[in-house]
Amino acid sequence: MSFANDTVALPTPLLTETQVKDYLLDGQPVFRSLDVKAIWRNLSDSQVMLHLGDSLYPASVDILPVLEPLLSAPGWFYAGELTDAELDEITALLTQWLNRGYWRCDLQDVDD
């Protein structure tokens, strides 16, 4: 069985949430793999379930205003519009997506 993202170069080693958060806070962009489509459904007044690729990701309704452009645009950068908790949630999601090859960024090329 082959998935569309099998040819995507995954970061090695895997990115950490701290690396991704610092990258976002520096105003650096992330780019969605254009073959990745996301949908979500409401689970409750406070939770949604994101369907992305072959995976499911729970998220709070509070971050939907950021998730909508993030999931629909080919590129996105953090513009300082989130609370600390919302930024942490976006960072956690993006870290997973970057490590799965659903999104990409320049962090793979940066030496620590």
PDB file of N, CA and C in Angstrom:
ATOM      1  N   MET A   1       0.840  -1.165   0.000  1.00  0.00           N
ATOM      2  CA  MET A   1       0.000   0.000   0.000  1.00  0.00           C
ATOM      3  C   MET A   1       0.893   1.238   0.000  1.00  0.00           C
ATOM      4  N   SER A   2       0.525   2.235  -0.777  1.00  0.00           N
ATOM      5  CA  SER A   2       1.311   3.451  -0.869  1.00  0.00           C
ATOM      6  C   SER A   2       0.436   4.656  -0.545  1.00  0.00           C
ATOM      7  N   PHE A   3       0.970   5.580   0.233  1.00  0.00           N
ATOM      8  CA  PHE A   3       0.263   6.808   0.556  1.00  0.00           C
ATOM      9  C   PHE A   3       0.894   7.955  -0.200  1.00  0.00           C
ATOM     10  N   ALA A   4       0.114   9.004  -0.434  1.00  0.00           N
ATOM     11  CA  ALA A   4       0.572  10.145  -1.210  1.00  0.00           C
ATOM     12  C   ALA A   4       1.809  10.796  -0.594  1.00  0.00           C
ATOM     13  N   ASN A   5       1.955  10.747   0.709  1.00  0.00           N
ATOM     14  CA  ASN A   5       3.088  11.415   1.325  1.00  0.00           C
ATOM     15  C   ASN A   5       4.295  10.493   1.531  1.00  0.00           C
ATOM     16  N   ASP A   6       4.304   9.311   0.907  1.00  0.00           N
ATOM     17  CA  ASP A   6       5.426   8.389   1.045  1.00  0.00           C
ATOM     18  C   ASP A   6       6.725   8.977   0.498  1.00  0.00           C
ATOM     19  N   THR A   7       6.648   9.894  -0.461  1.00  0.00           N
ATOM     20  CA  THR A   7       7.845  10.450  -1.063  1.00  0.00           C
ATOM     21  C   THR A   7       8.312  11.719  -0.371  1.00  0.00           C
ATOM     22  N   VAL A   8       7.600  12.171   0.642  1.00  0.00           N
ATOM     23  CA  VAL A   8       7.977  13.378   1.374  1.00  0.00           C
ATOM     24  C   VAL A   8       9.167  13.060   2.271  1.00  0.00           C
ATOM     25  N   ALA A   9      10.177  13.930   2.230  1.00  0.00           N
ATOM     26  CA  ALA A   9      11.338  13.747   3.087  1.00  0.00           C
ATOM     27  C   ALA A   9      10.991  14.187   4.505  1.00  0.00           C
ATOM     28  N   LEU A  10      11.013  13.251   5.422  1.00  0.00           N
ATOM     29  CA  LEU A  10      10.688  13.558   6.804  1.00  0.00           C
ATOM     30  C   LEU A  10      11.924  14.093   7.517  1.00  0.00           C
ATOM     31  N   PRO A  11      11.727  15.010   8.481  1.00  0.00           N
ATOM     32  CA  PRO A  11      12.880  15.553   9.202  1.00  0.00           C
ATOM     33  C   PRO A  11      13.563  14.469  10.027  1.00  0.00           C
ATOM     34  N   THR A  12      14.882  14.502  10.032  1.00  0.00           N
ATOM     35  CA  THR A  12      15.658  13.570  10.836  1.00  0.00           C
ATOM     36  C   THR A  12      16.709  14.368  11.572  1.00  0.00           C
ATOM     37  N   PRO A  13      16.768  14.358  12.870  1.00  0.00           N
ATOM     38  CA  PRO A  13      15.815  13.707  13.759  1.00  0.00           C
ATOM     39  C   PRO A  13      14.488  14.448  13.765  1.00  0.00           C
ATOM     40  N   LEU A  14      13.492  13.843  14.376  1.00  0.00           N
ATOM     41  CA  LEU A  14      12.181  14.465  14.439  1.00  0.00           C
ATOM     42  C   LEU A  14      12.255  15.791  15.177  1.00  0.00           C
ATOM     43  N   LEU A  15      11.421  16.707  14.752  1.00  0.00           N
ATOM     44  CA  LEU A  15      11.378  18.029  15.369  1.00  0.00           C
ATOM     45  C   LEU A  15      10.699  17.968  16.733  1.00  0.00           C
ATOM     46  N   THR A  16      11.109  18.840  17.635  1.00  0.00           N
ATOM     47  CA  THR A  16      10.480  18.927  18.947  1.00  0.00           C
ATOM     48  C   THR A  16       9.518  20.109  18.966  1.00  0.00           C
ATOM     49  N   GLU A  17       8.611  20.098  19.933  1.00  0.00           N
ATOM     50  CA  GLU A  17       7.680  21.212  20.074  1.00  0.00           C
ATOM     51  C   GLU A  17       8.420  22.517  20.381  1.00  0.00           C
ATOM     52  N   THR A  18       9.494  22.434  21.143  1.00  0.00           N
ATOM     53  CA  THR A  18      10.273  23.634  21.461  1.00  0.00           C
ATOM     54  C   THR A  18      10.882  24.232  20.190  1.00  0.00           C
ATOM     55  N   GLN A  19      11.443  23.387  19.332  1.00  0.00           N
ATOM     56  CA  GLN A  19      12.007  23.871  18.074  1.00  0.00           C
ATOM     57  C   GLN A  19      10.933  24.529  17.212  1.00  0.00           C
ATOM     58  N   VAL A  20       9.782  23.884  17.107  1.00  0.00           N
ATOM     59  CA  VAL A  20       8.704  24.403  16.271  1.00  0.00           C
ATOM     60  C   VAL A  20       8.168  25.709  16.845  1.00  0.00           C
ATOM     61  N   LYS A  21       7.986  25.776  18.156  1.00  0.00           N
ATOM     62  CA  LYS A  21       7.478  27.005  18.775  1.00  0.00           C
ATOM     63  C   LYS A  21       8.443  28.160  18.556  1.00  0.00           C
ATOM     64  N   ASP A  22       9.733  27.941  18.779  1.00  0.00           N
ATOM     65  CA  ASP A  22      10.729  28.988  18.546  1.00  0.00           C
ATOM     66  C   ASP A  22      10.714  29.445  17.093  1.00  0.00           C
ATOM     67  N   TYR A  23      10.594  28.503  16.189  1.00  0.00           N
ATOM     68  CA  TYR A  23      10.531  28.798  14.753  1.00  0.00           C
ATOM     69  C   TYR A  23       9.315  29.672  14.444  1.00  0.00           C
ATOM     70  N   LEU A  24       8.152  29.301  14.989  1.00  0.00           N
ATOM     71  CA  LEU A  24       6.935  30.089  14.763  1.00  0.00           C
ATOM     72  C   LEU A  24       7.057  31.482  15.374  1.00  0.00           C
ATOM     73  N   LEU A  25       7.608  31.572  16.571  1.00  0.00           N
ATOM     74  CA  LEU A  25       7.762  32.869  17.237  1.00  0.00           C
ATOM     75  C   LEU A  25       8.727  33.785  16.486  1.00  0.00           C
ATOM     76  N   ASP A  26       9.630  33.203  15.715  1.00  0.00           N
ATOM     77  CA  ASP A  26      10.529  33.992  14.867  1.00  0.00           C
ATOM     78  C   ASP A  26       9.843  34.473  13.592  1.00  0.00           C
ATOM     79  N   GLY A  27       8.563  34.108  13.409  1.00  0.00           N
ATOM     80  CA  GLY A  27       7.813  34.544  12.230  1.00  0.00           C
ATOM     81  C   GLY A  27       8.112  33.760  10.969  1.00  0.00           C
ATOM     82  N   GLN A  28       8.661  32.563  11.138  1.00  0.00           N
ATOM     83  CA  GLN A  28       9.020  31.735   9.988  1.00  0.00           C
ATOM     84  C   GLN A  28       7.806  30.955   9.479  1.00  0.00           C
ATOM     85  N   PRO A  29       7.713  30.733   8.165  1.00  0.00           N
ATOM     86  CA  PRO A  29       6.533  30.074   7.598  1.00  0.00           C
ATOM     87  C   PRO A  29       6.614  28.551   7.622  1.00  0.00           C
ATOM     88  N   VAL A  30       5.437  27.956   7.612  1.00  0.00           N
ATOM     89  CA  VAL A  30       5.288  26.517   7.377  1.00  0.00           C
ATOM     90  C   VAL A  30       4.454  26.367   6.113  1.00  0.00           C
ATOM     91  N   PHE A  31       4.673  25.270   5.403  1.00  0.00           N
ATOM     92  CA  PHE A  31       3.999  25.043   4.132  1.00  0.00           C
ATOM     93  C   PHE A  31       3.312  23.691   4.134  1.00  0.00           C
ATOM     94  N   ARG A  32       2.058  23.704   3.729  1.00  0.00           N
ATOM     95  CA  ARG A  32       1.257  22.480   3.679  1.00  0.00           C
ATOM     96  C   ARG A  32       1.595  21.703   2.416  1.00  0.00           C
ATOM     97  N   SER A  33       1.720  20.397   2.532  1.00  0.00           N
ATOM     98  CA  SER A  33       1.818  19.551   1.345  1.00  0.00           C
ATOM     99  C   SER A  33       0.481  19.658   0.623  1.00  0.00           C
ATOM    100  N   LEU A  34       0.508  20.065  -0.607  1.00  0.00           N
ATOM    101  CA  LEU A  34      -0.734  20.408  -1.300  1.00  0.00           C
ATOM    102  C   LEU A  34      -1.659  19.227  -1.507  1.00  0.00           C
ATOM    103  N   ASP A  35      -1.148  18.005  -1.397  1.00  0.00           N
ATOM    104  CA  ASP A  35      -2.026  16.843  -1.552  1.00  0.00           C
ATOM    105  C   ASP A  35      -2.715  16.469  -0.239  1.00  0.00           C
ATOM    106  N   VAL A  36      -2.401  17.170   0.843  1.00  0.00           N
ATOM    107  CA  VAL A  36      -3.012  16.894   2.142  1.00  0.00           C
ATOM    108  C   VAL A  36      -4.233  17.778   2.324  1.00  0.00           C
ATOM    109  N   LYS A  37      -5.360  17.154   2.512  1.00  0.00           N
ATOM    110  CA  LYS A  37      -6.613  17.871   2.757  1.00  0.00           C
ATOM    111  C   LYS A  37      -7.081  17.546   4.166  1.00  0.00           C
ATOM    112  N   ALA A  38      -7.628  18.539   4.822  1.00  0.00           N
ATOM    113  CA  ALA A  38      -8.097  18.347   6.187  1.00  0.00           C
ATOM    114  C   ALA A  38      -9.569  18.712   6.280  1.00  0.00           C
ATOM    115  N   ILE A  39     -10.266  17.980   7.109  1.00  0.00           N
ATOM    116  CA  ILE A  39     -11.644  18.325   7.449  1.00  0.00           C
ATOM    117  C   ILE A  39     -11.779  18.175   8.956  1.00  0.00           C
ATOM    118  N   TRP A  40     -12.796  18.782   9.505  1.00  0.00           N
ATOM    119  CA  TRP A  40     -13.044  18.605  10.929  1.00  0.00           C
ATOM    120  C   TRP A  40     -14.530  18.486  11.166  1.00  0.00           C
ATOM    121  N   ARG A  41     -14.849  17.909  12.293  1.00  0.00           N
ATOM    122  CA  ARG A  41     -16.244  17.818  12.716  1.00  0.00           C
ATOM    123  C   ARG A  41     -16.313  18.179  14.187  1.00  0.00           C
ATOM    124  N   ASN A  42     -17.389  18.807  14.557  1.00  0.00           N
ATOM    125  CA  ASN A  42     -17.578  19.197  15.949  1.00  0.00           C
ATOM    126  C   ASN A  42     -17.895  17.970  16.789  1.00  0.00           C
ATOM    127  N   LEU A  43     -17.199  17.841  17.894  1.00  0.00           N
ATOM    128  CA  LEU A  43     -17.482  16.791  18.867  1.00  0.00           C
ATOM    129  C   LEU A  43     -18.356  17.323  19.990  1.00  0.00           C
ATOM    130  N   SER A  44     -18.161  18.604  20.304  1.00  0.00           N
ATOM    131  CA  SER A  44     -18.912  19.264  21.369  1.00  0.00           C
ATOM    132  C   SER A  44     -18.786  20.772  21.145  1.00  0.00           C
ATOM    133  N   ASP A  45     -19.298  21.542  22.084  1.00  0.00           N
ATOM    134  CA  ASP A  45     -19.171  22.993  21.989  1.00  0.00           C
ATOM    135  C   ASP A  45     -17.722  23.453  22.122  1.00  0.00           C
ATOM    136  N   SER A  46     -16.867  22.610  22.674  1.00  0.00           N
ATOM    137  CA  SER A  46     -15.492  23.028  22.917  1.00  0.00           C
ATOM    138  C   SER A  46     -14.438  22.217  22.149  1.00  0.00           C
ATOM    139  N   GLN A  47     -14.825  21.120  21.499  1.00  0.00           N
ATOM    140  CA  GLN A  47     -13.865  20.241  20.831  1.00  0.00           C
ATOM    141  C   GLN A  47     -14.269  19.928  19.395  1.00  0.00           C
ATOM    142  N   VAL A  48     -13.258  19.821  18.532  1.00  0.00           N
ATOM    143  CA  VAL A  48     -13.436  19.328  17.174  1.00  0.00           C
ATOM    144  C   VAL A  48     -12.457  18.176  16.964  1.00  0.00           C
ATOM    145  N   MET A  49     -12.749  17.371  15.965  1.00  0.00           N
ATOM    146  CA  MET A  49     -11.843  16.302  15.572  1.00  0.00           C
ATOM    147  C   MET A  49     -11.387  16.603  14.151  1.00  0.00           C
ATOM    148  N   LEU A  50     -10.074  16.743  13.978  1.00  0.00           N
ATOM    149  CA  LEU A  50      -9.497  16.981  12.665  1.00  0.00           C
ATOM    150  C   LEU A  50      -9.180  15.651  12.011  1.00  0.00           C
ATOM    151  N   HIS A  51      -9.559  15.510  10.757  1.00  0.00           N
ATOM    152  CA  HIS A  51      -9.209  14.348   9.944  1.00  0.00           C
ATOM    153  C   HIS A  51      -8.168  14.844   8.950  1.00  0.00           C
ATOM    154  N   LEU A  52      -6.948  14.358   9.087  1.00  0.00           N
ATOM    155  CA  LEU A  52      -5.846  14.814   8.251  1.00  0.00           C
ATOM    156  C   LEU A  52      -5.066  13.604   7.786  1.00  0.00           C
ATOM    157  N   GLY A  53      -5.022  13.422   6.482  1.00  0.00           N
ATOM    158  CA  GLY A  53      -4.379  12.225   5.976  1.00  0.00           C
ATOM    159  C   GLY A  53      -5.089  11.006   6.527  1.00  0.00           C
ATOM    160  N   ASP A  54      -4.332  10.100   7.101  1.00  0.00           N
ATOM    161  CA  ASP A  54      -4.916   8.897   7.688  1.00  0.00           C
ATOM    162  C   ASP A  54      -4.979   8.981   9.211  1.00  0.00           C
ATOM    163  N   SER A  55      -4.907  10.209   9.746  1.00  0.00           N
ATOM    164  CA  SER A  55      -4.858  10.386  11.199  1.00  0.00           C
ATOM    165  C   SER A  55      -5.960  11.314  11.698  1.00  0.00           C
ATOM    166  N   LEU A  56      -6.261  11.174  12.990  1.00  0.00           N
ATOM    167  CA  LEU A  56      -7.253  12.009  13.664  1.00  0.00           C
ATOM    168  C   LEU A  56      -6.545  12.820  14.750  1.00  0.00           C
ATOM    169  N   TYR A  57      -6.943  14.087  14.878  1.00  0.00           N
ATOM    170  CA  TYR A  57      -6.342  14.974  15.865  1.00  0.00           C
ATOM    171  C   TYR A  57      -7.436  15.764  16.568  1.00  0.00           C
ATOM    172  N   PRO A  58      -7.572  15.616  17.891  1.00  0.00           N
ATOM    173  CA  PRO A  58      -8.527  16.451  18.623  1.00  0.00           C
ATOM    174  C   PRO A  58      -7.959  17.857  18.778  1.00  0.00           C
ATOM    175  N   ALA A  59      -8.849  18.844  18.759  1.00  0.00           N
ATOM    176  CA  ALA A  59      -8.439  20.241  18.927  1.00  0.00           C
ATOM    177  C   ALA A  59      -9.570  21.017  19.582  1.00  0.00           C
ATOM    178  N   SER A  60      -9.227  22.111  20.199  1.00  0.00           N
ATOM    179  CA  SER A  60     -10.252  22.949  20.820  1.00  0.00           C
ATOM    180  C   SER A  60     -10.884  23.865  19.777  1.00  0.00           C
ATOM    181  N   VAL A  61     -12.131  24.167  19.974  1.00  0.00           N
ATOM    182  CA  VAL A  61     -12.867  25.070  19.084  1.00  0.00           C
ATOM    183  C   VAL A  61     -12.206  26.448  19.067  1.00  0.00           C
ATOM    184  N   ASP A  62     -11.565  26.826  20.163  1.00  0.00           N
ATOM    185  CA  ASP A  62     -10.940  28.145  20.282  1.00  0.00           C
ATOM    186  C   ASP A  62      -9.893  28.409  19.208  1.00  0.00           C
ATOM    187  N   ILE A  63      -9.250  27.365  18.691  1.00  0.00           N
ATOM    188  CA  ILE A  63      -8.207  27.593  17.699  1.00  0.00           C
ATOM    189  C   ILE A  63      -8.712  27.483  16.252  1.00  0.00           C
ATOM    190  N   LEU A  64     -10.015  27.259  16.063  1.00  0.00           N
ATOM    191  CA  LEU A  64     -10.559  27.183  14.700  1.00  0.00           C
ATOM    192  C   LEU A  64     -10.267  28.422  13.857  1.00  0.00           C
ATOM    193  N   PRO A  65     -10.329  29.650  14.412  1.00  0.00           N
ATOM    194  CA  PRO A  65     -10.004  30.804  13.575  1.00  0.00           C
ATOM    195  C   PRO A  65      -8.579  30.773  13.008  1.00  0.00           C
ATOM    196  N   VAL A  66      -7.667  30.072  13.672  1.00  0.00           N
ATOM    197  CA  VAL A  66      -6.312  29.923  13.153  1.00  0.00           C
ATOM    198  C   VAL A  66      -6.213  28.660  12.301  1.00  0.00           C
ATOM    199  N   LEU A  67      -6.901  27.606  12.699  1.00  0.00           N
ATOM    200  CA  LEU A  67      -6.834  26.354  11.941  1.00  0.00           C
ATOM    201  C   LEU A  67      -7.392  26.499  10.533  1.00  0.00           C
ATOM    202  N   GLU A  68      -8.466  27.265  10.370  1.00  0.00           N
ATOM    203  CA  GLU A  68      -9.070  27.392   9.045  1.00  0.00           C
ATOM    204  C   GLU A  68      -8.076  27.912   8.006  1.00  0.00           C
ATOM    205  N   PRO A  69      -7.392  29.038   8.237  1.00  0.00           N
ATOM    206  CA  PRO A  69      -6.406  29.458   7.227  1.00  0.00           C
ATOM    207  C   PRO A  69      -5.183  28.543   7.169  1.00  0.00           C
ATOM    208  N   LEU A  70      -4.780  28.000   8.312  1.00  0.00           N
ATOM    209  CA  LEU A  70      -3.644  27.088   8.332  1.00  0.00           C
ATOM    210  C   LEU A  70      -3.918  25.856   7.470  1.00  0.00           C
ATOM    211  N   LEU A  71      -5.125  25.319   7.567  1.00  0.00           N
ATOM    212  CA  LEU A  71      -5.470  24.097   6.846  1.00  0.00           C
ATOM    213  C   LEU A  71      -5.830  24.345   5.383  1.00  0.00           C
ATOM    214  N   SER A  72      -6.196  25.568   5.030  1.00  0.00           N
ATOM    215  CA  SER A  72      -6.638  25.816   3.654  1.00  0.00           C
ATOM    216  C   SER A  72      -5.594  26.515   2.788  1.00  0.00           C
ATOM    217  N   ALA A  73      -4.711  27.280   3.383  1.00  0.00           N
ATOM    218  CA  ALA A  73      -3.701  28.008   2.608  1.00  0.00           C
ATOM    219  C   ALA A  73      -2.466  27.139   2.391  1.00  0.00           C
ATOM    220  N   PRO A  74      -1.746  27.353   1.304  1.00  0.00           N
ATOM    221  CA  PRO A  74      -0.527  26.577   1.082  1.00  0.00           C
ATOM    222  C   PRO A  74       0.599  26.922   2.057  1.00  0.00           C
ATOM    223  N   GLY A  75       0.587  28.147   2.583  1.00  0.00           N
ATOM    224  CA  GLY A  75       1.611  28.567   3.539  1.00  0.00           C
ATOM    225  C   GLY A  75       0.985  29.363   4.665  1.00  0.00           C
ATOM    226  N   TRP A  76       1.638  29.359   5.818  1.00  0.00           N
ATOM    227  CA  TRP A  76       1.124  30.060   6.994  1.00  0.00           C
ATOM    228  C   TRP A  76       2.283  30.453   7.883  1.00  0.00           C
ATOM    229  N   PHE A  77       2.138  31.593   8.568  1.00  0.00           N
ATOM    230  CA  PHE A  77       3.094  31.969   9.599  1.00  0.00           C
ATOM    231  C   PHE A  77       2.336  32.551  10.780  1.00  0.00           C
ATOM    232  N   TYR A  78       2.926  32.454  11.938  1.00  0.00           N
ATOM    233  CA  TYR A  78       2.313  32.937  13.165  1.00  0.00           C
ATOM    234  C   TYR A  78       2.458  34.451  13.234  1.00  0.00           C
ATOM    235  N   ALA A  79       1.318  35.136  13.390  1.00  0.00           N
ATOM    236  CA  ALA A  79       1.305  36.599  13.412  1.00  0.00           C
ATOM    237  C   ALA A  79       1.017  37.157  14.799  1.00  0.00           C
ATOM    238  N   GLY A  80       1.173  36.349  15.843  1.00  0.00           N
ATOM    239  CA  GLY A  80       1.020  36.835  17.203  1.00  0.00           C
ATOM    240  C   GLY A  80      -0.410  36.952  17.686  1.00  0.00           C
ATOM    241  N   GLU A  81      -1.344  36.269  17.029  1.00  0.00           N
ATOM    242  CA  GLU A  81      -2.761  36.433  17.326  1.00  0.00           C
ATOM    243  C   GLU A  81      -3.312  35.445  18.358  1.00  0.00           C
ATOM    244  N   LEU A  82      -2.476  34.635  18.973  1.00  0.00           N
ATOM    245  CA  LEU A  82      -2.951  33.572  19.858  1.00  0.00           C
ATOM    246  C   LEU A  82      -2.580  33.818  21.317  1.00  0.00           C
ATOM    247  N   THR A  83      -3.383  33.268  22.210  1.00  0.00           N
ATOM    248  CA  THR A  83      -2.994  33.218  23.614  1.00  0.00           C
ATOM    249  C   THR A  83      -1.881  32.182  23.751  1.00  0.00           C
ATOM    250  N   ASP A  84      -1.222  32.154  24.892  1.00  0.00           N
ATOM    251  CA  ASP A  84      -0.154  31.161  25.110  1.00  0.00           C
ATOM    252  C   ASP A  84      -0.686  29.739  24.984  1.00  0.00           C
ATOM    253  N   ALA A  85      -1.871  29.477  25.539  1.00  0.00           N
ATOM    254  CA  ALA A  85      -2.452  28.131  25.472  1.00  0.00           C
ATOM    255  C   ALA A  85      -2.791  27.748  24.029  1.00  0.00           C
ATOM    256  N   GLU A  86      -3.330  28.688  23.271  1.00  0.00           N
ATOM    257  CA  GLU A  86      -3.662  28.408  21.868  1.00  0.00           C
ATOM    258  C   GLU A  86      -2.395  28.176  21.051  1.00  0.00           C
ATOM    259  N   LEU A  87      -1.352  28.975  21.293  1.00  0.00           N
ATOM    260  CA  LEU A  87      -0.080  28.777  20.595  1.00  0.00           C
ATOM    261  C   LEU A  87       0.501  27.406  20.933  1.00  0.00           C
ATOM    262  N   ASP A  88       0.417  27.001  22.192  1.00  0.00           N
ATOM    263  CA  ASP A  88       0.904  25.674  22.568  1.00  0.00           C
ATOM    264  C   ASP A  88       0.144  24.576  21.839  1.00  0.00           C
ATOM    265  N   GLU A  89      -1.173  24.743  21.692  1.00  0.00           N
ATOM    266  CA  GLU A  89      -1.974  23.731  21.001  1.00  0.00           C
ATOM    267  C   GLU A  89      -1.626  23.682  19.512  1.00  0.00           C
ATOM    268  N   ILE A  90      -1.513  24.844  18.878  1.00  0.00           N
ATOM    269  CA  ILE A  90      -1.121  24.889  17.454  1.00  0.00           C
ATOM    270  C   ILE A  90       0.269  24.289  17.279  1.00  0.00           C
ATOM    271  N   THR A  91       1.184  24.631  18.177  1.00  0.00           N
ATOM    272  CA  THR A  91       2.548  24.097  18.107  1.00  0.00           C
ATOM    273  C   THR A  91       2.552  22.579  18.208  1.00  0.00           C
ATOM    274  N   ALA A  92       1.771  22.033  19.126  1.00  0.00           N
ATOM    275  CA  ALA A  92       1.704  20.576  19.282  1.00  0.00           C
ATOM    276  C   ALA A  92       1.174  19.917  18.013  1.00  0.00           C
ATOM    277  N   LEU A  93       0.125  20.494  17.434  1.00  0.00           N
ATOM    278  CA  LEU A  93      -0.428  19.939  16.194  1.00  0.00           C
ATOM    279  C   LEU A  93       0.588  20.047  15.054  1.00  0.00           C
ATOM    280  N   LEU A  94       1.156  21.238  14.872  1.00  0.00           N
ATOM    281  CA  LEU A  94       2.107  21.427  13.773  1.00  0.00           C
ATOM    282  C   LEU A  94       3.336  20.537  13.909  1.00  0.00           C
ATOM    283  N   THR A  95       3.791  20.321  15.125  1.00  0.00           N
ATOM    284  CA  THR A  95       4.947  19.444  15.322  1.00  0.00           C
ATOM    285  C   THR A  95       4.634  18.040  14.815  1.00  0.00           C
ATOM    286  N   GLN A  96       3.459  17.540  15.145  1.00  0.00           N
ATOM    287  CA  GLN A  96       3.054  16.222  14.646  1.00  0.00           C
ATOM    288  C   GLN A  96       2.965  16.216  13.124  1.00  0.00           C
ATOM    289  N   TRP A  97       2.358  17.269  12.571  1.00  0.00           N
ATOM    290  CA  TRP A  97       2.164  17.329  11.112  1.00  0.00           C
ATOM    291  C   TRP A  97       3.484  17.488  10.372  1.00  0.00           C
ATOM    292  N   LEU A  98       4.397  18.283  10.911  1.00  0.00           N
ATOM    293  CA  LEU A  98       5.723  18.413  10.301  1.00  0.00           C
ATOM    294  C   LEU A  98       6.459  17.083  10.332  1.00  0.00           C
ATOM    295  N   ASN A  99       6.370  16.380  11.448  1.00  0.00           N
ATOM    296  CA  ASN A  99       7.063  15.103  11.585  1.00  0.00           C
ATOM    297  C   ASN A  99       6.439  13.996  10.744  1.00  0.00           C
ATOM    298  N   ARG A 100       5.203  14.173  10.330  1.00  0.00           N
ATOM    299  CA  ARG A 100       4.558  13.192   9.441  1.00  0.00           C
ATOM    300  C   ARG A 100       4.706  13.574   7.965  1.00  0.00           C
ATOM    301  N   GLY A 101       5.234  14.760   7.708  1.00  0.00           N
ATOM    302  CA  GLY A 101       5.407  15.205   6.334  1.00  0.00           C
ATOM    303  C   GLY A 101       4.193  15.896   5.740  1.00  0.00           C
ATOM    304  N   TYR A 102       3.166  16.169   6.554  1.00  0.00           N
ATOM    305  CA  TYR A 102       1.979  16.874   6.070  1.00  0.00           C
ATOM    306  C   TYR A 102       2.269  18.349   5.846  1.00  0.00           C
ATOM    307  N   TRP A 103       3.177  18.904   6.629  1.00  0.00           N
ATOM    308  CA  TRP A 103       3.660  20.276   6.481  1.00  0.00           C
ATOM    309  C   TRP A 103       5.168  20.204   6.399  1.00  0.00           C
ATOM    310  N   ARG A 104       5.785  21.291   5.919  1.00  0.00           N
ATOM    311  CA  ARG A 104       7.239  21.348   5.870  1.00  0.00           C
ATOM    312  C   ARG A 104       7.690  22.747   6.268  1.00  0.00           C
ATOM    313  N   CYS A 105       8.948  22.830   6.674  1.00  0.00           N
ATOM    314  CA  CYS A 105       9.534  24.112   7.041  1.00  0.00           C
ATOM    315  C   CYS A 105      11.043  23.993   6.886  1.00  0.00           C
ATOM    316  N   ASP A 106      11.733  25.080   7.168  1.00  0.00           N
ATOM    317  CA  ASP A 106      13.190  25.099   7.011  1.00  0.00           C
ATOM    318  C   ASP A 106      13.941  24.563   8.221  1.00  0.00           C
ATOM    319  N   LEU A 107      13.238  24.103   9.244  1.00  0.00           N
ATOM    320  CA  LEU A 107      13.911  23.625  10.455  1.00  0.00           C
ATOM    321  C   LEU A 107      14.817  22.427  10.206  1.00  0.00           C
ATOM    322  N   GLN A 108      14.491  21.604   9.257  1.00  0.00           N
ATOM    323  CA  GLN A 108      15.318  20.428   8.989  1.00  0.00           C
ATOM    324  C   GLN A 108      16.731  20.818   8.585  1.00  0.00           C
ATOM    325  N   ASP A 109      16.873  22.022   8.010  1.00  0.00           N
ATOM    326  CA  ASP A 109      18.169  22.465   7.494  1.00  0.00           C
ATOM    327  C   ASP A 109      18.948  23.302   8.495  1.00  0.00           C
ATOM    328  N   VAL A 110      18.375  23.539   9.679  1.00  0.00           N
ATOM    329  CA  VAL A 110      19.022  24.389  10.675  1.00  0.00           C
ATOM    330  C   VAL A 110      19.815  23.524  11.646  1.00  0.00           C
ATOM    331  N   ASP A 111      21.072  23.843  11.836  1.00  0.00           N
ATOM    332  CA  ASP A 111      21.892  23.141  12.831  1.00  0.00           C
ATOM    333  C   ASP A 111      21.686  23.770  14.181  1.00  0.00           C
ATOM    334  N   ASP A 112      21.561  22.946  15.225  1.00  0.00           N
ATOM    335  CA  ASP A 112      21.380  23.469  16.590  1.00  0.00           C
ATOM    336  C   ASP A 112      22.696  23.966  17.146  1.00  0.00           C
TER     337      ASP A 112
END
